[in-house]
């Protein structure tokens, strides 16, 4: 459940238990759902995602003052590290569950 907010329509970054909600929101993106529908990501899908990312970065970055820019940069780096770590962990868990036990 998303955290309460007094700003209607705002997507909070954390739920009531301080669990990041970004992945939950990502899983609802039609572009993401379309890209992973076949279980693989091809070069064009990756390039399209990079284009969307770059466009948003160009839109948002100039709006940030120096202090907020530094904080958002750290946030994006930590989020990227978290996503990579979570993916590696999930792959590791999947591999250990599917190990041959002949």
C-alpha atoms as a PDB file:
ATOM      1  CA  UNK A   1       0.000   0.000   0.000  1.00  0.00           C
ATOM      2  CA  UNK A   2       1.364   3.390  -0.961  1.00  0.00           C
ATOM      3  CA  UNK A   3       2.141   5.921   1.742  1.00  0.00           C
ATOM      4  CA  UNK A   4      -0.453   8.575   2.457  1.00  0.00           C
ATOM      5  CA  UNK A   5       0.097  11.945   0.867  1.00  0.00           C
ATOM      6  CA  UNK A   6      -1.725  15.235   0.932  1.00  0.00           C
ATOM      7  CA  UNK A   7      -0.853  15.794  -2.735  1.00  0.00           C
ATOM      8  CA  UNK A   8      -3.525  14.115  -4.890  1.00  0.00           C
ATOM      9  CA  UNK A   9      -2.170  12.020  -7.748  1.00  0.00           C
ATOM     10  CA  UNK A  10       1.378  12.039  -6.401  1.00  0.00           C
ATOM     11  CA  UNK A  11       3.183   8.697  -6.524  1.00  0.00           C
ATOM     12  CA  UNK A  12       5.165   8.377  -3.302  1.00  0.00           C
ATOM     13  CA  UNK A  13       8.568   6.763  -3.480  1.00  0.00           C
ATOM     14  CA  UNK A  14       8.044   4.685  -0.317  1.00  0.00           C
ATOM     15  CA  UNK A  15       5.090   2.763   1.116  1.00  0.00           C
ATOM     16  CA  UNK A  16       3.993   2.942   4.767  1.00  0.00           C
ATOM     17  CA  UNK A  17       6.766   0.485   5.760  1.00  0.00           C
ATOM     18  CA  UNK A  18       9.468   2.494   3.922  1.00  0.00           C
ATOM     19  CA  UNK A  19       9.672  -0.090   1.146  1.00  0.00           C
ATOM     20  CA  UNK A  20      10.687   1.449  -2.196  1.00  0.00           C
ATOM     21  CA  UNK A  21       7.702   1.655  -4.546  1.00  0.00           C
ATOM     22  CA  UNK A  22       9.658   2.494  -7.704  1.00  0.00           C
ATOM     23  CA  UNK A  23       9.790  -1.122  -8.909  1.00  0.00           C
ATOM     24  CA  UNK A  24       6.038  -1.472  -8.332  1.00  0.00           C
ATOM     25  CA  UNK A  25       5.421   1.618 -10.458  1.00  0.00           C
ATOM     26  CA  UNK A  26       7.880   0.386 -13.084  1.00  0.00           C
ATOM     27  CA  UNK A  27       6.014  -2.896 -13.362  1.00  0.00           C
ATOM     28  CA  UNK A  28       2.929  -0.901 -14.404  1.00  0.00           C
ATOM     29  CA  UNK A  29       4.662   1.000 -17.239  1.00  0.00           C
ATOM     30  CA  UNK A  30       3.259  -0.135 -20.573  1.00  0.00           C
ATOM     31  CA  UNK A  31       6.643   0.373 -22.256  1.00  0.00           C
ATOM     32  CA  UNK A  32       8.259  -1.901 -19.669  1.00  0.00           C
ATOM     33  CA  UNK A  33       5.490  -4.499 -19.897  1.00  0.00           C
ATOM     34  CA  UNK A  34       5.686  -4.537 -23.696  1.00  0.00           C
ATOM     35  CA  UNK A  35       9.470  -4.891 -23.618  1.00  0.00           C
ATOM     36  CA  UNK A  36       9.519  -7.862 -21.232  1.00  0.00           C
ATOM     37  CA  UNK A  37       6.434  -9.612 -22.603  1.00  0.00           C
ATOM     38  CA  UNK A  38       8.535 -12.157 -24.489  1.00  0.00           C
ATOM     39  CA  UNK A  39      10.981 -12.667 -21.616  1.00  0.00           C
ATOM     40  CA  UNK A  40      13.925 -10.960 -23.293  1.00  0.00           C
ATOM     41  CA  UNK A  41      15.086  -7.447 -24.040  1.00  0.00           C
ATOM     42  CA  UNK A  42      16.347  -6.809 -27.551  1.00  0.00           C
ATOM     43  CA  UNK A  43      18.684  -4.020 -28.613  1.00  0.00           C
ATOM     44  CA  UNK A  44      15.856  -1.812 -29.962  1.00  0.00           C
ATOM     45  CA  UNK A  45      13.876  -2.084 -26.711  1.00  0.00           C
ATOM     46  CA  UNK A  46      16.973  -1.101 -24.733  1.00  0.00           C
ATOM     47  CA  UNK A  47      17.670   1.818 -27.069  1.00  0.00           C
ATOM     48  CA  UNK A  48      14.046   2.998 -26.780  1.00  0.00           C
ATOM     49  CA  UNK A  49      14.285   2.893 -22.969  1.00  0.00           C
ATOM     50  CA  UNK A  50      17.552   4.836 -23.072  1.00  0.00           C
ATOM     51  CA  UNK A  51      15.891   7.495 -25.245  1.00  0.00           C
ATOM     52  CA  UNK A  52      13.037   7.869 -22.746  1.00  0.00           C
ATOM     53  CA  UNK A  53      15.530   8.075 -19.874  1.00  0.00           C
ATOM     54  CA  UNK A  54      17.703  10.674 -21.607  1.00  0.00           C
ATOM     55  CA  UNK A  55      14.655  12.794 -22.491  1.00  0.00           C
ATOM     56  CA  UNK A  56      13.490  12.821 -18.871  1.00  0.00           C
ATOM     57  CA  UNK A  57      16.977  13.566 -17.582  1.00  0.00           C
ATOM     58  CA  UNK A  58      17.230  16.525 -19.970  1.00  0.00           C
ATOM     59  CA  UNK A  59      13.803  17.741 -18.823  1.00  0.00           C
ATOM     60  CA  UNK A  60      14.447  17.439 -15.076  1.00  0.00           C
ATOM     61  CA  UNK A  61      18.153  18.217 -14.589  1.00  0.00           C
ATOM     62  CA  UNK A  62      18.012  21.930 -15.503  1.00  0.00           C
ATOM     63  CA  UNK A  63      15.214  22.446 -12.939  1.00  0.00           C
ATOM     64  CA  UNK A  64      17.403  21.353 -10.013  1.00  0.00           C
ATOM     65  CA  UNK A  65      19.457  23.727  -7.916  1.00  0.00           C
ATOM     66  CA  UNK A  66      22.987  22.586  -7.020  1.00  0.00           C
ATOM     67  CA  UNK A  67      22.093  20.993  -3.684  1.00  0.00           C
ATOM     68  CA  UNK A  68      19.054  19.154  -5.016  1.00  0.00           C
ATOM     69  CA  UNK A  69      21.031  18.105  -8.118  1.00  0.00           C
ATOM     70  CA  UNK A  70      23.639  16.478  -5.884  1.00  0.00           C
ATOM     71  CA  UNK A  71      20.936  14.692  -3.849  1.00  0.00           C
ATOM     72  CA  UNK A  72      19.045  13.461  -6.911  1.00  0.00           C
ATOM     73  CA  UNK A  73      22.290  12.275  -8.513  1.00  0.00           C
ATOM     74  CA  UNK A  74      23.069  10.236  -5.376  1.00  0.00           C
ATOM     75  CA  UNK A  75      19.481   8.946  -5.341  1.00  0.00           C
ATOM     76  CA  UNK A  76      19.707   7.784  -8.954  1.00  0.00           C
ATOM     77  CA  UNK A  77      23.044   6.064  -8.294  1.00  0.00           C
ATOM     78  CA  UNK A  78      21.720   4.313  -5.170  1.00  0.00           C
ATOM     79  CA  UNK A  79      18.549   3.292  -7.019  1.00  0.00           C
ATOM     80  CA  UNK A  80      20.600   1.854  -9.870  1.00  0.00           C
ATOM     81  CA  UNK A  81      22.820  -0.052  -7.426  1.00  0.00           C
ATOM     82  CA  UNK A  82      19.725  -1.361  -5.609  1.00  0.00           C
ATOM     83  CA  UNK A  83      18.116  -2.498  -8.868  1.00  0.00           C
ATOM     84  CA  UNK A  84      21.260  -4.312  -9.981  1.00  0.00           C
ATOM     85  CA  UNK A  85      21.704  -5.942  -6.571  1.00  0.00           C
ATOM     86  CA  UNK A  86      18.048  -6.966  -6.476  1.00  0.00           C
ATOM     87  CA  UNK A  87      18.290  -8.485  -9.974  1.00  0.00           C
ATOM     88  CA  UNK A  88      21.445 -10.418  -9.101  1.00  0.00           C
ATOM     89  CA  UNK A  89      19.839 -11.632  -5.856  1.00  0.00           C
ATOM     90  CA  UNK A  90      16.698 -12.792  -7.682  1.00  0.00           C
ATOM     91  CA  UNK A  91      18.781 -14.601 -10.311  1.00  0.00           C
ATOM     92  CA  UNK A  92      20.776 -16.247  -7.538  1.00  0.00           C
ATOM     93  CA  UNK A  93      17.595 -17.328  -5.758  1.00  0.00           C
ATOM     94  CA  UNK A  94      16.146 -18.679  -9.001  1.00  0.00           C
ATOM     95  CA  UNK A  95      19.324 -20.647  -9.772  1.00  0.00           C
ATOM     96  CA  UNK A  96      19.407 -22.205  -6.302  1.00  0.00           C
ATOM     97  CA  UNK A  97      15.756 -23.318  -6.637  1.00  0.00           C
ATOM     98  CA  UNK A  98      16.311 -24.873 -10.053  1.00  0.00           C
ATOM     99  CA  UNK A  99      19.572 -26.668  -9.252  1.00  0.00           C
ATOM    100  CA  UNK A 100      19.720 -30.253 -10.512  1.00  0.00           C
ATOM    101  CA  UNK A 101      19.404 -32.673  -7.613  1.00  0.00           C
ATOM    102  CA  UNK A 102      20.115 -35.933  -9.509  1.00  0.00           C
END
